Amino acid sequence: MKILVPVKRVIDYNVKPRVKADGTGVDLANVKMSMNPFDEIAVEEAIRLKEKGAATEIVAVSIGPAKAQETLRTALAMGADRAILIETDEEVEPLAVAKILKAIADEEQPGLVILGKQSISDDSNQTGQMLAALMGRPQGTFANTVEVDGDSVTVKREVDGGLQTVKLATPAIVTTDLRLNEPRYASLPNIMKAKQKPLATKTAADYGVDLTPRLKTIKVAEPPVRQAGEKVADVAALVEKVKALGIA
């Protein structure tokens, strides 16, 4: 079985984003970029399935600028077999991403598409669900556990009430949650080997997908600063404070 793993280049999660002075977006100049953490989990899960013998090939895909090759090389160093970059300098919305991924899936015919449940850049949490709808395939979102058995995959989903188990017929779409696994670090030898692995570069036009945005960003602003907390001496003082604030 072939596994397709989409990965996204985002601001490193350790970096505090800065809003542009004109409020048109987030400032990306001279900012450390890395692979979306949820996508790292997806890559790791695909590798583990391959190590168990449930998969034969892992194909990493990214949609973004030329520098997204670095993100794909990270996936290759972790253990992916080859990569595809859909190069564009435009901001690509989730629906366009899903359409491109569908076209790639139609071409590659993977048995499983594993992707992060959302990116930390926009927190949309839409691409996996849209891809499943466009392909007419079953989906297991917010995966806590993934087990492949022949032509089916069992996914334990993280839901508000606990865990929900679903059994999907392949081909299927799975989106990863935080507790699915802990991604490995790429070793230096694997980083060197990744430079020799195949990485194809294409455009959205190659797949007949229009990237024209359907949304318009009006303004981007910093979140309001939280007020400082206040310490009280005991429970009685806390109760009085709560009453004074009128929230009891």
Protein backbone atom coordinates (compact mmCIF):
# COMPACT_ATOMS: atom_id res chain seq x y z
CA MET A 1 0.00 0.00 0.00
CA LYS A 2 1.18 3.49 -0.87
CA ILE A 3 0.71 6.32 1.64
CA LEU A 4 0.40 9.97 0.64
CA VAL A 5 1.44 12.49 3.32
CA PRO A 6 0.81 16.21 2.72
CA VAL A 7 3.10 18.52 4.74
CA LYS A 8 3.04 22.30 5.15
CA ARG A 9 5.79 24.86 5.76
CA VAL A 10 4.78 27.11 8.66
CA ILE A 11 6.34 29.45 11.20
CA ASP A 12 8.21 27.34 13.76
CA TYR A 13 6.00 26.68 16.77
CA ASN A 14 8.67 28.12 19.10
CA VAL A 15 8.52 31.50 17.34
CA LYS A 16 5.99 34.17 18.36
CA PRO A 17 4.33 35.47 15.17
CA ARG A 18 4.47 39.21 14.46
CA VAL A 19 1.72 41.11 12.66
CA LYS A 20 2.79 43.42 9.82
CA ALA A 21 2.69 47.12 10.62
CA ASP A 22 -0.04 47.71 8.04
CA GLY A 23 -2.20 44.88 9.44
CA THR A 24 -2.33 42.96 6.16
CA GLY A 25 -0.97 39.71 7.54
CA VAL A 26 1.74 37.94 9.54
CA ASP A 27 5.34 39.06 9.01
CA LEU A 28 7.37 36.15 7.59
CA ALA A 29 10.60 38.08 6.94
CA ASN A 30 13.64 36.50 8.61
CA VAL A 31 11.42 34.11 10.58
CA LYS A 32 12.38 30.49 11.25
CA MET A 33 10.11 28.12 9.32
CA SER A 34 9.59 24.40 9.85
CA MET A 35 7.17 21.56 9.18
CA ASN A 36 3.70 21.89 10.67
CA PRO A 37 3.77 19.81 13.93
CA PHE A 38 0.59 17.88 13.07
CA ASP A 39 2.13 16.97 9.70
CA GLU A 40 5.26 15.70 11.46
CA ILE A 41 3.00 13.32 13.35
CA ALA A 42 1.46 12.23 10.03
CA VAL A 43 4.89 11.51 8.53
CA GLU A 44 5.90 9.55 11.64
CA GLU A 45 2.73 7.45 11.52
CA ALA A 46 3.26 6.65 7.84
CA ILE A 47 6.83 5.55 8.60
CA ARG A 48 5.66 3.34 11.47
CA LEU A 49 3.09 1.69 9.21
CA LYS A 50 5.80 1.03 6.65
CA GLU A 51 8.07 -0.42 9.33
CA LYS A 52 5.24 -2.79 10.31
CA GLY A 53 4.96 -3.92 6.70
CA ALA A 54 1.54 -2.30 6.19
CA ALA A 55 2.90 0.15 3.58
CA THR A 56 5.38 -0.13 0.72
CA GLU A 57 5.97 3.52 -0.23
CA ILE A 58 5.55 6.95 1.37
CA VAL A 59 5.10 10.01 -0.85
CA ALA A 60 5.36 13.44 0.79
CA VAL A 61 3.59 16.39 -0.84
CA SER A 62 3.82 20.10 -0.14
CA ILE A 63 2.16 23.15 -1.69
CA GLY A 64 4.08 26.40 -1.34
CA PRO A 65 7.15 28.42 -2.36
CA ALA A 66 10.44 26.94 -3.55
CA LYS A 67 11.73 27.00 0.04
CA ALA A 68 9.12 24.34 0.89
CA GLN A 69 11.66 21.91 -0.56
CA GLU A 70 13.39 22.14 2.84
CA THR A 71 10.23 20.87 4.51
CA LEU A 72 9.98 18.01 2.05
CA ARG A 73 13.66 17.13 2.60
CA THR A 74 12.88 16.89 6.31
CA ALA A 75 10.09 14.41 5.54
CA LEU A 76 12.49 12.46 3.29
CA ALA A 77 15.11 12.44 6.04
CA MET A 78 12.55 11.08 8.50
CA GLY A 79 11.81 8.19 6.13
CA ALA A 80 9.58 9.20 3.21
CA ASP A 81 10.63 7.66 -0.12
CA ARG A 82 9.99 10.54 -2.53
CA ALA A 83 8.41 13.96 -2.62
CA ILE A 84 6.33 16.26 -4.80
CA LEU A 85 6.35 20.06 -4.50
CA ILE A 86 3.49 22.05 -6.01
CA GLU A 87 5.34 25.35 -6.28
CA THR A 88 3.43 28.60 -5.82
CA ASP A 89 4.05 31.91 -4.07
CA GLU A 90 0.34 32.52 -3.63
CA GLU A 91 -1.61 31.98 -0.42
CA VAL A 92 -3.47 28.71 -1.06
CA GLU A 93 -6.82 28.21 0.66
CA PRO A 94 -7.89 24.80 2.08
CA LEU A 95 -10.31 24.03 -0.78
CA ALA A 96 -7.61 24.61 -3.40
CA VAL A 97 -5.21 22.45 -1.36
CA ALA A 98 -7.81 19.67 -1.22
CA LYS A 99 -8.39 19.89 -4.99
CA ILE A 100 -4.65 19.61 -5.69
CA LEU A 101 -4.31 16.69 -3.29
CA LYS A 102 -7.26 14.94 -4.97
CA ALA A 103 -5.56 15.32 -8.37
CA ILE A 104 -2.32 13.92 -6.96
CA ALA A 105 -4.19 11.06 -5.28
CA ASP A 106 -5.95 10.24 -8.56
CA GLU A 107 -2.50 10.03 -10.15
CA GLU A 108 -0.68 8.20 -7.37
CA GLN A 109 -3.56 5.96 -6.20
CA PRO A 110 -2.53 5.76 -2.52
CA GLY A 111 -4.31 3.34 -0.20
CA LEU A 112 -4.12 5.89 2.60
CA VAL A 113 -3.75 9.68 2.84
CA ILE A 114 -2.48 10.78 6.26
CA LEU A 115 -2.33 14.49 7.05
CA GLY A 116 -2.32 16.75 10.07
CA LYS A 117 -5.75 17.70 11.40
CA GLN A 118 -4.84 21.39 10.95
CA SER A 119 -1.91 23.71 10.38
CA ILE A 120 -0.75 26.02 13.15
CA SER A 121 -0.60 28.89 10.64
CA ASP A 122 -4.36 29.29 10.10
CA ASP A 123 -5.94 26.53 12.26
CA SER A 124 -8.54 25.92 9.56
CA ASN A 125 -9.00 22.17 10.18
CA GLN A 126 -10.68 21.79 6.77
CA THR A 127 -8.35 20.19 4.24
CA GLY A 128 -8.71 16.56 5.34
CA GLN A 129 -12.49 16.69 5.44
CA MET A 130 -12.69 18.51 2.10
CA LEU A 131 -10.35 15.97 0.51
CA ALA A 132 -12.48 13.08 1.74
CA ALA A 133 -15.60 14.74 0.34
CA LEU A 134 -14.02 15.47 -3.04
CA MET A 135 -12.71 11.90 -3.34
CA GLY A 136 -15.84 10.27 -1.93
CA ARG A 137 -13.67 8.33 0.52
CA PRO A 138 -14.18 7.45 4.21
CA GLN A 139 -12.39 9.61 6.76
CA GLY A 140 -11.01 9.09 10.26
CA THR A 141 -10.30 12.53 11.71
CA PHE A 142 -8.44 13.47 14.93
CA ALA A 143 -6.71 10.06 15.02
CA ASN A 144 -5.39 8.84 18.37
CA THR A 145 -4.56 5.35 17.06
CA VAL A 146 -4.27 3.96 13.52
CA GLU A 147 -4.20 0.23 12.72
CA VAL A 148 -4.16 -1.20 9.21
CA ASP A 149 -5.59 -4.68 8.62
CA GLY A 150 -5.67 -5.78 5.00
CA ASP A 151 -8.11 -3.61 3.06
CA SER A 152 -9.35 -1.71 6.09
CA VAL A 153 -7.98 0.74 8.64
CA THR A 154 -9.24 1.13 12.21
CA VAL A 155 -8.98 4.62 13.68
CA LYS A 156 -9.58 5.67 17.27
CA ARG A 157 -10.78 9.28 17.12
CA GLU A 158 -10.44 11.87 19.84
CA VAL A 159 -13.91 13.32 20.43
CA ASP A 160 -15.37 15.50 23.19
CA GLY A 161 -16.66 12.52 25.14
CA GLY A 162 -13.50 10.40 24.90
CA LEU A 163 -12.50 8.05 22.06
CA GLN A 164 -14.61 6.86 19.14
CA THR A 165 -13.47 3.86 17.06
CA VAL A 166 -14.28 3.74 13.34
CA LYS A 167 -13.36 1.13 10.73
CA LEU A 168 -12.70 2.49 7.25
CA ALA A 169 -12.40 0.70 3.92
CA THR A 170 -9.30 1.78 1.99
CA PRO A 171 -8.57 4.05 0.20
CA ALA A 172 -9.22 6.31 3.18
CA ILE A 173 -8.31 9.70 4.63
CA VAL A 174 -6.86 10.02 8.14
CA THR A 175 -6.05 13.24 9.99
CA THR A 176 -3.70 13.13 12.97
CA ASP A 177 -4.12 14.47 16.49
CA LEU A 178 -1.36 15.29 18.99
CA ARG A 179 -1.43 12.05 20.96
CA LEU A 180 -1.08 9.70 17.99
CA ASN A 181 2.72 9.46 18.31
CA GLU A 182 5.94 11.35 18.99
CA PRO A 183 7.83 12.17 15.76
CA ARG A 184 11.43 10.98 15.47
CA TYR A 185 14.43 13.19 14.85
CA ALA A 186 16.11 12.72 11.49
CA SER A 187 19.64 11.34 11.89
CA LEU A 188 22.58 12.97 10.10
CA PRO A 189 23.09 9.97 7.74
CA ASN A 190 19.39 10.08 6.80
CA ILE A 191 19.58 13.84 6.24
CA MET A 192 22.43 13.24 3.79
CA LYS A 193 20.53 10.40 2.09
CA ALA A 194 17.46 12.63 1.75
CA LYS A 195 19.39 14.90 -0.63
CA GLN A 196 19.55 12.03 -3.12
CA LYS A 197 15.89 11.03 -2.92
CA PRO A 198 13.62 12.12 -5.82
CA LEU A 199 11.76 15.42 -5.43
CA ALA A 200 9.51 16.44 -8.34
CA THR A 201 8.44 20.06 -8.80
CA LYS A 202 5.09 20.87 -10.44
CA THR A 203 2.51 23.66 -10.50
CA ALA A 204 -1.20 23.84 -9.72
CA ALA A 205 -1.81 24.37 -13.43
CA ASP A 206 -0.34 20.91 -14.09
CA TYR A 207 -3.33 19.53 -12.18
CA GLY A 208 -5.86 21.99 -13.61
CA VAL A 209 -6.53 23.69 -10.27
CA ASP A 210 -7.39 27.38 -10.04
CA LEU A 211 -5.77 29.03 -7.01
CA THR A 212 -7.87 32.21 -7.17
CA PRO A 213 -8.77 33.02 -3.53
CA ARG A 214 -12.40 32.96 -2.41
CA LEU A 215 -11.68 34.78 0.84
CA LYS A 216 -10.34 38.27 1.46
CA THR A 217 -8.41 39.19 4.59
CA ILE A 218 -9.70 42.53 5.84
CA LYS A 219 -7.34 42.99 8.77
CA VAL A 220 -4.91 41.05 10.98
CA ALA A 221 -4.38 42.28 14.55
CA GLU A 222 -2.61 41.17 17.70
CA PRO A 223 -4.86 39.50 20.31
CA PRO A 224 -5.81 41.74 23.26
CA VAL A 225 -3.36 41.72 26.15
CA ARG A 226 -4.64 39.73 29.12
CA GLN A 227 -5.03 41.59 32.37
CA ALA A 228 -2.67 40.61 35.15
CA GLY A 229 -3.98 38.26 37.83
CA GLU A 230 -4.42 39.21 41.46
CA LYS A 231 -3.51 37.17 44.53
CA VAL A 232 -5.83 37.00 47.52
CA ALA A 233 -5.09 35.89 51.07
CA ASP A 234 -7.70 33.17 51.50
CA VAL A 235 -10.98 31.71 50.23
CA ALA A 236 -13.08 34.33 51.99
CA ALA A 237 -11.17 37.09 50.23
CA LEU A 238 -11.60 35.27 46.93
CA VAL A 239 -15.38 35.08 47.42
CA GLU A 240 -15.56 38.78 48.27
CA LYS A 241 -13.47 39.63 45.19
CA VAL A 242 -15.68 37.55 42.93
CA LYS A 243 -18.80 39.24 44.32
CA ALA A 244 -17.25 42.65 43.86
CA LEU A 245 -16.55 41.90 40.24
CA GLY A 246 -20.15 40.78 39.76
CA ILE A 247 -19.28 37.37 38.31
CA ALA A 248 -20.70 35.22 41.13
